[in-house]
Amino acid sequence: MTRLSGWLDGALRVVAVLLLVSLLLAVMTGVVSRQLGDPVSWSDEAAQYLLVWTGFAGWMIGARGREHIRIGAVVDLLPGGARRAAEALIQLLCLIFALALLWWGWPLIERNWDVEWVSLPLPAGLLYVPVPFAAALLAGQALLEMLRAIRGASP
């Protein structure tokens, strides 16, 4: 399981870097083309899509590393059993949220697949493609973290 986990973390980081570089190139293309007096129409829209995808990649990486936004001021003050119960409840809520994203992610893609980008003949549903994949990964991560909390194992 550790090898798979390491491979998954590495793959996520590579995807995030590729998305970030692509985002940078799209923005630079737009800036340079405007400065040259011949703006490229697709660069802004591509940058917006890439920003959303990069955000999802970052969210997955943060969740995998337990580095997501969290306010531990109250939970950290709780005694052992209550802290584990609070952590299990938090992870259960994350699991429910991820399952809701997974449930509604595919229909969101389907509803927007026949709508084209404004600037390119690509389906607008591409914007939502990361939703079910991120949701599945986040659901699995939340389930693992919830089980760890219940067992009292350290992350």
Protein backbone atom coordinates (compact mmCIF):
# COMPACT_ATOMS: atom_id res chain seq x y z
CA MET A 1 0.00 0.00 0.00
CA THR A 2 2.90 2.35 0.71
CA ARG A 3 4.32 1.95 -2.81
CA LEU A 4 0.95 2.72 -4.36
CA SER A 5 0.54 5.69 -2.06
CA GLY A 6 4.01 7.00 -2.95
CA TRP A 7 3.34 6.51 -6.66
CA LEU A 8 0.00 8.30 -6.37
CA ASP A 9 1.54 11.23 -4.50
CA GLY A 10 4.30 11.52 -7.10
CA ALA A 11 1.84 11.35 -9.99
CA LEU A 12 -0.32 14.06 -8.40
CA ARG A 13 2.69 16.33 -8.00
CA VAL A 14 3.74 15.81 -11.63
CA VAL A 15 0.20 16.60 -12.81
CA ALA A 16 0.13 19.73 -10.61
CA VAL A 17 3.46 20.94 -12.02
CA LEU A 18 2.33 20.31 -15.60
CA LEU A 19 -0.91 22.17 -14.98
CA LEU A 20 0.91 25.09 -13.36
CA VAL A 21 3.40 25.33 -16.24
CA SER A 22 0.53 25.15 -18.74
CA LEU A 23 -1.28 27.90 -16.85
CA LEU A 24 1.85 30.05 -16.92
CA LEU A 25 2.27 29.48 -20.65
CA ALA A 26 -1.38 30.35 -21.35
CA VAL A 27 -1.12 33.58 -19.37
CA MET A 28 2.22 34.48 -20.97
CA THR A 29 0.79 33.80 -24.43
CA GLY A 30 -2.06 36.18 -23.72
CA VAL A 31 0.21 38.92 -22.36
CA VAL A 32 2.78 38.68 -25.15
CA SER A 33 0.17 38.50 -27.90
CA ARG A 34 -1.58 41.59 -26.54
CA GLN A 35 1.70 43.46 -26.35
CA LEU A 36 2.40 42.56 -29.99
CA GLY A 37 -1.01 43.94 -30.98
CA ASP A 38 -2.46 40.58 -32.07
CA PRO A 39 -4.29 39.14 -29.02
CA VAL A 40 -4.86 35.40 -28.91
CA SER A 41 -8.54 34.87 -28.11
CA TRP A 42 -8.24 31.53 -26.34
CA SER A 43 -5.50 32.30 -23.81
CA ASP A 44 -7.71 33.86 -21.11
CA GLU A 45 -10.30 31.11 -21.23
CA ALA A 46 -7.64 28.40 -21.25
CA ALA A 47 -5.97 30.05 -18.25
CA GLN A 48 -9.28 30.06 -16.36
CA TYR A 49 -9.82 26.34 -17.02
CA LEU A 50 -6.23 25.50 -16.11
CA LEU A 51 -6.56 27.49 -12.88
CA VAL A 52 -9.57 25.38 -11.85
CA TRP A 53 -7.75 22.16 -12.70
CA THR A 54 -4.64 23.31 -10.81
CA GLY A 55 -6.81 24.11 -7.80
CA PHE A 56 -8.24 20.59 -7.80
CA ALA A 57 -4.74 19.09 -8.08
CA GLY A 58 -3.60 21.22 -5.15
CA TRP A 59 -6.65 20.19 -3.15
CA MET A 60 -5.87 16.52 -3.72
CA ILE A 61 -2.21 16.98 -2.78
CA GLY A 62 -3.17 18.90 0.36
CA ALA A 63 -5.65 16.25 1.41
CA ARG A 64 -3.15 13.44 0.81
CA GLY A 65 -0.57 15.21 2.97
CA ARG A 66 -3.08 16.27 5.63
CA GLU A 67 -2.13 19.85 4.81
CA HIS A 68 -5.60 21.09 3.93
CA ILE A 69 -7.10 24.05 5.74
CA ARG A 70 -7.83 23.09 9.29
CA ILE A 71 -8.28 24.94 12.51
CA GLY A 72 -6.95 22.73 15.24
CA ALA A 73 -7.25 25.17 18.14
CA VAL A 74 -10.28 23.42 19.62
CA VAL A 75 -9.64 19.85 18.48
CA ASP A 76 -6.03 19.94 19.73
CA LEU A 77 -7.21 20.86 23.24
CA LEU A 78 -9.49 17.82 23.51
CA PRO A 79 -8.36 14.73 25.45
CA GLY A 80 -7.39 11.61 23.46
CA GLY A 81 -10.77 9.89 23.01
CA ALA A 82 -12.67 13.10 22.31
CA ARG A 83 -9.97 14.22 19.87
CA ARG A 84 -10.23 10.93 17.99
CA ALA A 85 -14.04 11.20 17.92
CA ALA A 86 -13.85 14.80 16.66
CA GLU A 87 -11.33 13.80 13.98
CA ALA A 88 -13.52 10.87 12.92
CA LEU A 89 -16.54 13.20 12.68
CA ILE A 90 -14.57 15.73 10.63
CA GLN A 91 -13.42 13.00 8.26
CA LEU A 92 -16.98 11.65 8.02
CA LEU A 93 -18.15 15.10 6.94
CA CYS A 94 -15.31 15.27 4.39
CA LEU A 95 -16.35 11.83 3.13
CA ILE A 96 -19.98 12.92 2.74
CA PHE A 97 -18.88 16.04 0.86
CA ALA A 98 -16.59 14.02 -1.43
CA LEU A 99 -19.36 11.49 -2.14
CA ALA A 100 -21.75 14.34 -3.01
CA LEU A 101 -19.15 15.71 -5.44
CA LEU A 102 -18.71 12.26 -6.92
CA TRP A 103 -22.47 11.78 -7.26
CA TRP A 104 -23.10 15.13 -8.97
CA GLY A 105 -19.77 15.44 -10.78
CA TRP A 106 -20.59 13.16 -13.72
CA PRO A 107 -23.98 14.76 -14.46
CA LEU A 108 -22.29 18.17 -14.34
CA ILE A 109 -19.83 17.04 -17.01
CA GLU A 110 -22.60 15.51 -19.12
CA ARG A 111 -24.78 18.66 -18.97
CA ASN A 112 -21.91 20.83 -20.17
CA TRP A 113 -20.32 18.49 -22.69
CA ASP A 114 -22.36 19.77 -25.65
CA VAL A 115 -21.64 23.43 -24.80
CA GLU A 116 -18.51 24.81 -26.45
CA TRP A 117 -15.90 27.16 -25.05
CA VAL A 118 -16.37 30.69 -26.21
CA SER A 119 -12.96 30.82 -27.90
CA LEU A 120 -12.26 27.22 -28.99
CA PRO A 121 -14.32 24.30 -30.28
CA LEU A 122 -13.81 22.32 -27.08
CA PRO A 123 -16.54 21.09 -24.73
CA ALA A 124 -17.18 23.25 -21.67
CA GLY A 125 -17.58 20.02 -19.73
CA LEU A 126 -13.78 19.78 -19.68
CA LEU A 127 -13.82 22.30 -16.85
CA TYR A 128 -15.58 19.77 -14.61
CA VAL A 129 -13.61 16.64 -15.53
CA PRO A 130 -11.41 16.80 -12.41
CA VAL A 131 -14.45 16.86 -10.08
CA PRO A 132 -15.28 13.12 -9.96
CA PHE A 133 -11.62 12.08 -9.94
CA ALA A 134 -10.77 14.46 -7.10
CA ALA A 135 -13.93 13.40 -5.27
CA ALA A 136 -13.06 9.70 -5.51
CA LEU A 137 -9.54 10.29 -4.24
CA LEU A 138 -10.75 12.57 -1.46
CA ALA A 139 -13.43 10.08 -0.41
CA GLY A 140 -10.83 7.34 -0.14
CA GLN A 141 -8.49 9.61 1.80
CA ALA A 142 -11.25 10.71 4.20
CA LEU A 143 -12.27 7.09 4.78
CA LEU A 144 -8.68 6.11 5.58
CA GLU A 145 -8.26 9.09 7.92
CA MET A 146 -11.56 8.32 9.64
CA LEU A 147 -10.50 4.70 10.23
CA ARG A 148 -7.13 5.87 11.57
CA ALA A 149 -8.86 8.26 13.96
CA ILE A 150 -11.23 5.54 15.19
CA ARG A 151 -8.32 3.11 15.74
CA GLY A 152 -6.27 5.84 17.43
CA ALA A 153 -3.43 5.45 14.95
CA SER A 154 -1.26 8.48 14.21
CA PRO A 155 -1.37 9.87 10.67
